[in-house]
PDB file of N, CA and C in Angstrom:
ATOM      1  N   UNK A   1      86.460  43.270  80.706  1.00  0.00           N
ATOM      2  CA  UNK A   1      87.070  42.462  80.252  1.00  0.00           C
ATOM      3  C   UNK A   1      87.001  41.045  80.390  1.00  0.00           C
ATOM      4  N   UNK A   2      86.512  40.440  79.515  1.00  0.00           N
ATOM      5  CA  UNK A   2      86.552  38.936  79.225  1.00  0.00           C
ATOM      6  C   UNK A   2      88.009  38.149  79.418  1.00  0.00           C
ATOM      7  N   UNK A   3      87.765  36.940  79.816  1.00  0.00           N
ATOM      8  CA  UNK A   3      88.843  36.149  79.710  1.00  0.00           C
ATOM      9  C   UNK A   3      88.323  34.755  79.195  1.00  0.00           C
ATOM     10  N   UNK A   4      89.259  34.313  78.348  1.00  0.00           N
ATOM     11  CA  UNK A   4      88.620  33.213  77.003  1.00  0.00           C
ATOM     12  C   UNK A   4      89.728  32.173  77.742  1.00  0.00           C
ATOM     13  N   UNK A   5      88.951  31.171  77.638  1.00  0.00           N
ATOM     14  CA  UNK A   5      89.639  29.881  77.862  1.00  0.00           C
ATOM     15  C   UNK A   5      89.669  29.182  76.487  1.00  0.00           C
ATOM     16  N   UNK A   6      90.862  28.763  75.645  1.00  0.00           N
ATOM     17  CA  UNK A   6      90.630  28.574  74.621  1.00  0.00           C
ATOM     18  C   UNK A   6      90.619  26.898  74.588  1.00  0.00           C
ATOM     19  N   UNK A   7      89.922  26.321  74.058  1.00  0.00           N
ATOM     20  CA  UNK A   7      90.053  24.876  73.728  1.00  0.00           C
ATOM     21  C   UNK A   7      90.538  24.375  72.463  1.00  0.00           C
ATOM     22  N   UNK A   8      90.571  25.044  71.220  1.00  0.00           N
ATOM     23  CA  UNK A   8      91.673  25.031  70.227  1.00  0.00           C
ATOM     24  C   UNK A   8      91.726  26.170  69.504  1.00  0.00           C
ATOM     25  N   UNK A   9      92.615  26.804  69.297  1.00  0.00           N
ATOM     26  CA  UNK A   9      92.965  27.750  68.454  1.00  0.00           C
ATOM     27  C   UNK A   9      93.775  27.582  67.375  1.00  0.00           C
ATOM     28  N   UNK A  10      93.609  28.362  66.221  1.00  0.00           N
ATOM     29  CA  UNK A  10      94.336  28.555  65.289  1.00  0.00           C
ATOM     30  C   UNK A  10      94.458  30.204  64.596  1.00  0.00           C
ATOM     31  N   UNK A  11      95.542  30.309  64.265  1.00  0.00           N
ATOM     32  CA  UNK A  11      96.071  31.758  63.712  1.00  0.00           C
ATOM     33  C   UNK A  11      95.177  32.502  62.703  1.00  0.00           C
ATOM     34  N   UNK A  12      94.901  31.661  61.876  1.00  0.00           N
ATOM     35  CA  UNK A  12      94.229  32.110  60.801  1.00  0.00           C
ATOM     36  C   UNK A  12      92.941  31.121  60.315  1.00  0.00           C
ATOM     37  N   UNK A  13      91.887  31.120  61.059  1.00  0.00           N
ATOM     38  CA  UNK A  13      91.084  29.923  60.498  1.00  0.00           C
ATOM     39  C   UNK A  13      89.839  30.063  62.182  1.00  0.00           C
ATOM     40  N   UNK A  14      89.305  29.064  62.008  1.00  0.00           N
ATOM     41  CA  UNK A  14      88.413  28.961  63.013  1.00  0.00           C
ATOM     42  C   UNK A  14      88.899  28.080  64.285  1.00  0.00           C
ATOM     43  N   UNK A  15      88.648  28.643  65.365  1.00  0.00           N
ATOM     44  CA  UNK A  15      89.089  28.664  67.019  1.00  0.00           C
ATOM     45  C   UNK A  15      87.955  28.358  67.619  1.00  0.00           C
ATOM     46  N   UNK A  16      88.044  27.691  68.953  1.00  0.00           N
ATOM     47  CA  UNK A  16      86.961  27.372  69.719  1.00  0.00           C
ATOM     48  C   UNK A  16      87.427  27.761  71.119  1.00  0.00           C
ATOM     49  N   UNK A  17      86.405  28.470  71.782  1.00  0.00           N
ATOM     50  CA  UNK A  17      86.936  28.936  73.348  1.00  0.00           C
ATOM     51  C   UNK A  17      85.121  28.892  74.127  1.00  0.00           C
ATOM     52  N   UNK A  18      85.427  29.299  75.357  1.00  0.00           N
ATOM     53  CA  UNK A  18      84.566  29.319  76.331  1.00  0.00           C
ATOM     54  C   UNK A  18      85.102  30.549  77.188  1.00  0.00           C
ATOM     55  N   UNK A  19      83.936  31.345  77.762  1.00  0.00           N
ATOM     56  CA  UNK A  19      84.311  32.213  78.608  1.00  0.00           C
ATOM     57  C   UNK A  19      84.637  31.640  80.065  1.00  0.00           C
ATOM     58  N   UNK A  20      85.551  32.312  80.823  1.00  0.00           N
ATOM     59  CA  UNK A  20      86.344  31.542  81.943  1.00  0.00           C
ATOM     60  C   UNK A  20      85.277  31.841  83.135  1.00  0.00           C
ATOM     61  N   UNK A  21      84.409  32.809  83.228  1.00  0.00           N
ATOM     62  CA  UNK A  21      83.634  32.981  84.586  1.00  0.00           C
ATOM     63  C   UNK A  21      82.412  32.295  84.740  1.00  0.00           C
ATOM     64  N   UNK A  22      82.672  31.606  85.860  1.00  0.00           N
ATOM     65  CA  UNK A  22      81.640  30.600  86.335  1.00  0.00           C
ATOM     66  C   UNK A  22      82.131  29.961  87.581  1.00  0.00           C
ATOM     67  N   UNK A  23      81.468  29.376  88.298  1.00  0.00           N
ATOM     68  CA  UNK A  23      81.552  29.022  89.745  1.00  0.00           C
ATOM     69  C   UNK A  23      82.114  27.728  89.719  1.00  0.00           C
ATOM     70  N   UNK A  24      83.513  27.787  90.162  1.00  0.00           N
ATOM     71  CA  UNK A  24      84.001  26.301  89.871  1.00  0.00           C
ATOM     72  C   UNK A  24      83.602  25.377  90.917  1.00  0.00           C
ATOM     73  N   UNK A  25      83.187  25.971  92.218  1.00  0.00           N
ATOM     74  CA  UNK A  25      82.752  25.098  93.426  1.00  0.00           C
ATOM     75  C   UNK A  25      81.289  24.460  92.751  1.00  0.00           C
ATOM     76  N   UNK A  26      80.631  25.183  92.187  1.00  0.00           N
ATOM     77  CA  UNK A  26      79.260  24.335  91.486  1.00  0.00           C
ATOM     78  C   UNK A  26      79.493  23.806  90.330  1.00  0.00           C
ATOM     79  N   UNK A  27      80.153  24.177  89.389  1.00  0.00           N
ATOM     80  CA  UNK A  27      80.198  23.463  88.108  1.00  0.00           C
ATOM     81  C   UNK A  27      81.621  22.911  88.267  1.00  0.00           C
ATOM     82  N   UNK A  28      81.780  21.742  88.000  1.00  0.00           N
ATOM     83  CA  UNK A  28      82.996  20.801  87.940  1.00  0.00           C
ATOM     84  C   UNK A  28      83.795  21.186  86.351  1.00  0.00           C
ATOM     85  N   UNK A  29      82.877  21.229  85.628  1.00  0.00           N
ATOM     86  CA  UNK A  29      83.157  21.674  83.835  1.00  0.00           C
ATOM     87  C   UNK A  29      82.522  23.142  83.698  1.00  0.00           C
ATOM     88  N   UNK A  30      83.271  23.851  83.066  1.00  0.00           N
ATOM     89  CA  UNK A  30      82.789  25.045  82.450  1.00  0.00           C
ATOM     90  C   UNK A  30      81.595  25.004  81.651  1.00  0.00           C
ATOM     91  N   UNK A  31      80.514  25.522  82.376  1.00  0.00           N
ATOM     92  CA  UNK A  31      79.125  25.151  81.653  1.00  0.00           C
ATOM     93  C   UNK A  31      78.976  26.642  80.553  1.00  0.00           C
ATOM     94  N   UNK A  32      79.917  27.436  80.455  1.00  0.00           N
ATOM     95  CA  UNK A  32      79.224  28.374  79.746  1.00  0.00           C
ATOM     96  C   UNK A  32      79.296  27.849  78.124  1.00  0.00           C
ATOM     97  N   UNK A  33      78.632  28.575  77.297  1.00  0.00           N
ATOM     98  CA  UNK A  33      78.364  28.284  75.700  1.00  0.00           C
ATOM     99  C   UNK A  33      79.712  27.938  74.872  1.00  0.00           C
ATOM    100  N   UNK A  34      79.896  27.046  74.283  1.00  0.00           N
ATOM    101  CA  UNK A  34      81.182  27.081  73.347  1.00  0.00           C
ATOM    102  C   UNK A  34      80.870  28.208  72.345  1.00  0.00           C
ATOM    103  N   UNK A  35      81.991  28.600  71.943  1.00  0.00           N
ATOM    104  CA  UNK A  35      82.040  29.917  70.849  1.00  0.00           C
ATOM    105  C   UNK A  35      83.142  29.528  70.016  1.00  0.00           C
ATOM    106  N   UNK A  36      82.427  29.597  68.475  1.00  0.00           N
ATOM    107  CA  UNK A  36      83.694  29.499  67.550  1.00  0.00           C
ATOM    108  C   UNK A  36      83.641  30.649  66.709  1.00  0.00           C
ATOM    109  N   UNK A  37      85.036  31.139  66.814  1.00  0.00           N
ATOM    110  CA  UNK A  37      85.518  32.485  66.186  1.00  0.00           C
ATOM    111  C   UNK A  37      86.060  32.175  65.116  1.00  0.00           C
ATOM    112  N   UNK A  38      86.033  32.533  63.950  1.00  0.00           N
ATOM    113  CA  UNK A  38      86.613  32.471  62.657  1.00  0.00           C
ATOM    114  C   UNK A  38      86.906  33.709  62.473  1.00  0.00           C
ATOM    115  N   UNK A  39      88.373  33.773  62.235  1.00  0.00           N
ATOM    116  CA  UNK A  39      89.369  35.084  61.626  1.00  0.00           C
ATOM    117  C   UNK A  39      89.706  34.499  60.164  1.00  0.00           C
ATOM    118  N   UNK A  40      88.881  35.689  59.429  1.00  0.00           N
ATOM    119  CA  UNK A  40      89.043  35.680  57.776  1.00  0.00           C
ATOM    120  C   UNK A  40      88.724  34.291  57.259  1.00  0.00           C
ATOM    121  N   UNK A  41      87.320  33.986  57.469  1.00  0.00           N
ATOM    122  CA  UNK A  41      87.052  32.833  56.931  1.00  0.00           C
ATOM    123  C   UNK A  41      86.929  32.820  55.110  1.00  0.00           C
ATOM    124  N   UNK A  42      87.070  31.863  54.313  1.00  0.00           N
ATOM    125  CA  UNK A  42      86.930  31.880  53.209  1.00  0.00           C
ATOM    126  C   UNK A  42      85.465  31.943  52.777  1.00  0.00           C
ATOM    127  N   UNK A  43      84.547  30.982  53.227  1.00  0.00           N
ATOM    128  CA  UNK A  43      83.318  31.179  52.844  1.00  0.00           C
ATOM    129  C   UNK A  43      82.431  31.466  54.110  1.00  0.00           C
ATOM    130  N   UNK A  44      81.433  32.575  53.962  1.00  0.00           N
ATOM    131  CA  UNK A  44      80.559  32.524  55.038  1.00  0.00           C
ATOM    132  C   UNK A  44      79.389  33.383  54.644  1.00  0.00           C
ATOM    133  N   UNK A  45      78.133  33.193  54.768  1.00  0.00           N
ATOM    134  CA  UNK A  45      76.910  33.884  54.727  1.00  0.00           C
ATOM    135  C   UNK A  45      76.152  34.116  56.021  1.00  0.00           C
ATOM    136  N   UNK A  46      75.745  35.418  55.858  1.00  0.00           N
ATOM    137  CA  UNK A  46      74.565  35.692  57.041  1.00  0.00           C
ATOM    138  C   UNK A  46      73.386  36.289  56.438  1.00  0.00           C
ATOM    139  N   UNK A  47      72.442  35.729  56.689  1.00  0.00           N
ATOM    140  CA  UNK A  47      71.073  36.123  56.253  1.00  0.00           C
ATOM    141  C   UNK A  47      70.111  36.188  57.411  1.00  0.00           C
ATOM    142  N   UNK A  48      69.388  37.334  57.114  1.00  0.00           N
ATOM    143  CA  UNK A  48      68.382  37.660  58.090  1.00  0.00           C
ATOM    144  C   UNK A  48      67.226  38.084  57.261  1.00  0.00           C
ATOM    145  N   UNK A  49      65.868  37.862  57.808  1.00  0.00           N
ATOM    146  CA  UNK A  49      65.009  38.180  56.944  1.00  0.00           C
ATOM    147  C   UNK A  49      63.613  38.672  58.122  1.00  0.00           C
ATOM    148  N   UNK A  50      63.137  39.580  57.773  1.00  0.00           N
ATOM    149  CA  UNK A  50      61.801  40.011  58.718  1.00  0.00           C
ATOM    150  C   UNK A  50      60.616  40.205  58.201  1.00  0.00           C
ATOM    151  N   UNK A  51      59.694  39.460  59.049  1.00  0.00           N
ATOM    152  CA  UNK A  51      58.347  39.455  58.491  1.00  0.00           C
ATOM    153  C   UNK A  51      57.429  40.495  58.923  1.00  0.00           C
ATOM    154  N   UNK A  52      56.306  40.400  58.339  1.00  0.00           N
ATOM    155  CA  UNK A  52      55.310  41.371  58.573  1.00  0.00           C
ATOM    156  C   UNK A  52      54.573  41.549  60.149  1.00  0.00           C
ATOM    157  N   UNK A  53      54.562  40.071  60.561  1.00  0.00           N
ATOM    158  CA  UNK A  53      54.341  39.844  61.829  1.00  0.00           C
ATOM    159  C   UNK A  53      55.458  40.313  63.018  1.00  0.00           C
ATOM    160  N   UNK A  54      56.339  40.835  62.688  1.00  0.00           N
ATOM    161  CA  UNK A  54      57.209  40.945  63.682  1.00  0.00           C
ATOM    162  C   UNK A  54      58.279  39.554  64.239  1.00  0.00           C
ATOM    163  N   UNK A  55      58.223  38.848  63.312  1.00  0.00           N
ATOM    164  CA  UNK A  55      59.036  37.783  63.334  1.00  0.00           C
ATOM    165  C   UNK A  55      60.145  37.769  62.569  1.00  0.00           C
ATOM    166  N   UNK A  56      61.306  37.229  62.850  1.00  0.00           N
ATOM    167  CA  UNK A  56      62.530  37.143  61.924  1.00  0.00           C
ATOM    168  C   UNK A  56      62.951  35.932  61.849  1.00  0.00           C
ATOM    169  N   UNK A  57      63.752  35.442  60.907  1.00  0.00           N
ATOM    170  CA  UNK A  57      64.740  34.441  60.467  1.00  0.00           C
ATOM    171  C   UNK A  57      66.131  34.755  60.392  1.00  0.00           C
ATOM    172  N   UNK A  58      67.062  34.201  61.425  1.00  0.00           N
ATOM    173  CA  UNK A  58      68.501  34.547  61.246  1.00  0.00           C
ATOM    174  C   UNK A  58      69.235  33.319  60.891  1.00  0.00           C
ATOM    175  N   UNK A  59      70.297  33.281  60.197  1.00  0.00           N
ATOM    176  CA  UNK A  59      71.354  32.216  59.859  1.00  0.00           C
ATOM    177  C   UNK A  59      72.718  32.505  59.550  1.00  0.00           C
ATOM    178  N   UNK A  60      73.350  31.977  60.185  1.00  0.00           N
ATOM    179  CA  UNK A  60      74.954  32.085  60.000  1.00  0.00           C
ATOM    180  C   UNK A  60      75.755  30.631  59.217  1.00  0.00           C
ATOM    181  N   UNK A  61      76.196  30.672  58.249  1.00  0.00           N
ATOM    182  CA  UNK A  61      76.501  29.442  57.608  1.00  0.00           C
ATOM    183  C   UNK A  61      78.033  29.827  57.388  1.00  0.00           C
ATOM    184  N   UNK A  62      78.861  28.822  58.060  1.00  0.00           N
ATOM    185  CA  UNK A  62      80.316  29.170  57.668  1.00  0.00           C
ATOM    186  C   UNK A  62      81.119  27.735  57.599  1.00  0.00           C
ATOM    187  N   UNK A  63      81.794  27.831  56.392  1.00  0.00           N
ATOM    188  CA  UNK A  63      82.492  26.633  55.939  1.00  0.00           C
ATOM    189  C   UNK A  63      83.995  26.913  56.694  1.00  0.00           C
ATOM    190  N   UNK A  64      84.273  25.442  57.476  1.00  0.00           N
ATOM    191  CA  UNK A  64      85.353  25.390  58.176  1.00  0.00           C
ATOM    192  C   UNK A  64      85.962  23.995  57.594  1.00  0.00           C
ATOM    193  N   UNK A  65      86.918  24.004  57.107  1.00  0.00           N
ATOM    194  CA  UNK A  65      87.789  22.757  56.476  1.00  0.00           C
ATOM    195  C   UNK A  65      87.441  21.724  57.472  1.00  0.00           C
ATOM    196  N   UNK A  66      87.316  20.506  56.612  1.00  0.00           N
ATOM    197  CA  UNK A  66      87.287  19.031  57.527  1.00  0.00           C
ATOM    198  C   UNK A  66      88.289  18.627  58.487  1.00  0.00           C
ATOM    199  N   UNK A  67      89.597  19.116  57.939  1.00  0.00           N
ATOM    200  CA  UNK A  67      90.609  18.669  59.097  1.00  0.00           C
ATOM    201  C   UNK A  67      90.732  19.529  60.453  1.00  0.00           C
ATOM    202  N   UNK A  68      90.544  21.063  60.058  1.00  0.00           N
ATOM    203  CA  UNK A  68      90.354  21.708  61.129  1.00  0.00           C
ATOM    204  C   UNK A  68      89.108  21.311  61.956  1.00  0.00           C
ATOM    205  N   UNK A  69      87.946  21.189  61.452  1.00  0.00           N
ATOM    206  CA  UNK A  69      86.806  20.897  62.106  1.00  0.00           C
ATOM    207  C   UNK A  69      87.364  19.692  63.299  1.00  0.00           C
ATOM    208  N   UNK A  70      87.681  18.617  62.607  1.00  0.00           N
ATOM    209  CA  UNK A  70      88.247  17.467  63.549  1.00  0.00           C
ATOM    210  C   UNK A  70      89.021  17.741  64.652  1.00  0.00           C
ATOM    211  N   UNK A  71      90.263  18.718  64.563  1.00  0.00           N
ATOM    212  CA  UNK A  71      90.803  19.249  65.331  1.00  0.00           C
ATOM    213  C   UNK A  71      90.002  19.653  66.658  1.00  0.00           C
ATOM    214  N   UNK A  72      88.998  20.438  66.314  1.00  0.00           N
ATOM    215  CA  UNK A  72      88.247  21.426  67.070  1.00  0.00           C
ATOM    216  C   UNK A  72      87.192  20.335  67.818  1.00  0.00           C
ATOM    217  N   UNK A  73      86.724  19.486  67.391  1.00  0.00           N
ATOM    218  CA  UNK A  73      85.800  18.344  67.844  1.00  0.00           C
ATOM    219  C   UNK A  73      86.628  17.511  68.776  1.00  0.00           C
ATOM    220  N   UNK A  74      87.892  17.191  68.271  1.00  0.00           N
ATOM    221  CA  UNK A  74      88.728  16.238  69.309  1.00  0.00           C
ATOM    222  C   UNK A  74      89.128  16.939  70.517  1.00  0.00           C
ATOM    223  N   UNK A  75      89.358  18.431  70.264  1.00  0.00           N
ATOM    224  CA  UNK A  75      89.573  19.163  71.612  1.00  0.00           C
ATOM    225  C   UNK A  75      88.565  19.091  72.423  1.00  0.00           C
ATOM    226  N   UNK A  76      87.408  19.594  71.788  1.00  0.00           N
ATOM    227  CA  UNK A  76      86.316  19.589  72.724  1.00  0.00           C
ATOM    228  C   UNK A  76      85.936  18.613  73.564  1.00  0.00           C
ATOM    229  N   UNK A  77      86.019  17.286  72.585  1.00  0.00           N
ATOM    230  CA  UNK A  77      85.725  16.159  73.458  1.00  0.00           C
ATOM    231  C   UNK A  77      86.750  15.758  74.626  1.00  0.00           C
ATOM    232  N   UNK A  78      88.143  15.961  74.143  1.00  0.00           N
ATOM    233  CA  UNK A  78      88.977  15.779  75.402  1.00  0.00           C
ATOM    234  C   UNK A  78      88.497  16.840  76.737  1.00  0.00           C
ATOM    235  N   UNK A  79      88.398  18.329  76.421  1.00  0.00           N
ATOM    236  CA  UNK A  79      88.169  19.031  77.120  1.00  0.00           C
ATOM    237  C   UNK A  79      86.886  18.801  78.114  1.00  0.00           C
ATOM    238  N   UNK A  80      85.910  18.361  77.597  1.00  0.00           N
ATOM    239  CA  UNK A  80      84.627  17.676  78.168  1.00  0.00           C
ATOM    240  C   UNK A  80      84.695  16.163  78.812  1.00  0.00           C
ATOM    241  N   UNK A  81      85.713  15.642  78.552  1.00  0.00           N
ATOM    242  CA  UNK A  81      85.925  14.287  79.046  1.00  0.00           C
ATOM    243  C   UNK A  81      84.584  13.335  78.416  1.00  0.00           C
ATOM    244  N   UNK A  82      84.553  13.612  77.012  1.00  0.00           N
ATOM    245  CA  UNK A  82      83.619  12.662  76.398  1.00  0.00           C
ATOM    246  C   UNK A  82      83.772  11.242  75.716  1.00  0.00           C
ATOM    247  N   UNK A  83      85.241  10.967  75.928  1.00  0.00           N
ATOM    248  CA  UNK A  83      86.040  10.065  75.225  1.00  0.00           C
ATOM    249  C   UNK A  83      85.131   8.747  75.232  1.00  0.00           C
ATOM    250  N   UNK A  84      84.516   8.261  76.553  1.00  0.00           N
ATOM    251  CA  UNK A  84      83.484   6.993  76.598  1.00  0.00           C
ATOM    252  C   UNK A  84      82.409   7.095  75.780  1.00  0.00           C
ATOM    253  N   UNK A  85      81.638   8.758  75.780  1.00  0.00           N
ATOM    254  CA  UNK A  85      80.547   8.745  74.996  1.00  0.00           C
ATOM    255  C   UNK A  85      80.761   8.209  73.482  1.00  0.00           C
ATOM    256  N   UNK A  86      82.087   8.389  73.192  1.00  0.00           N
ATOM    257  CA  UNK A  86      82.483   8.238  71.756  1.00  0.00           C
ATOM    258  C   UNK A  86      82.356   6.719  71.358  1.00  0.00           C
ATOM    259  N   UNK A  87      82.453   5.806  72.466  1.00  0.00           N
ATOM    260  CA  UNK A  87      82.781   4.417  72.115  1.00  0.00           C
ATOM    261  C   UNK A  87      81.541   3.602  71.858  1.00  0.00           C
ATOM    262  N   UNK A  88      81.517   2.828  70.842  1.00  0.00           N
ATOM    263  CA  UNK A  88      80.136   1.913  70.482  1.00  0.00           C
ATOM    264  C   UNK A  88      79.879   1.073  71.652  1.00  0.00           C
TER     265      UNK A  88
END
């Protein structure tokens, strides 16, 4: 069973989390990948192409409303303590 550390969650839309399993003595900030989970997205497209030389191409396109993405981005920057990096 996994334990999710929610960075930003929305009841019906895009949310952001990280898995909690990491060595907090080694890493001050959670090093696990950020995961965007979208429940009932309005527009999305998944493309996968396979070629004769055993190579493939995959793509996920997900539409997230700008206001919601702003909320996710701000929450991520706060969690990762990136406020100083945003200053000019």
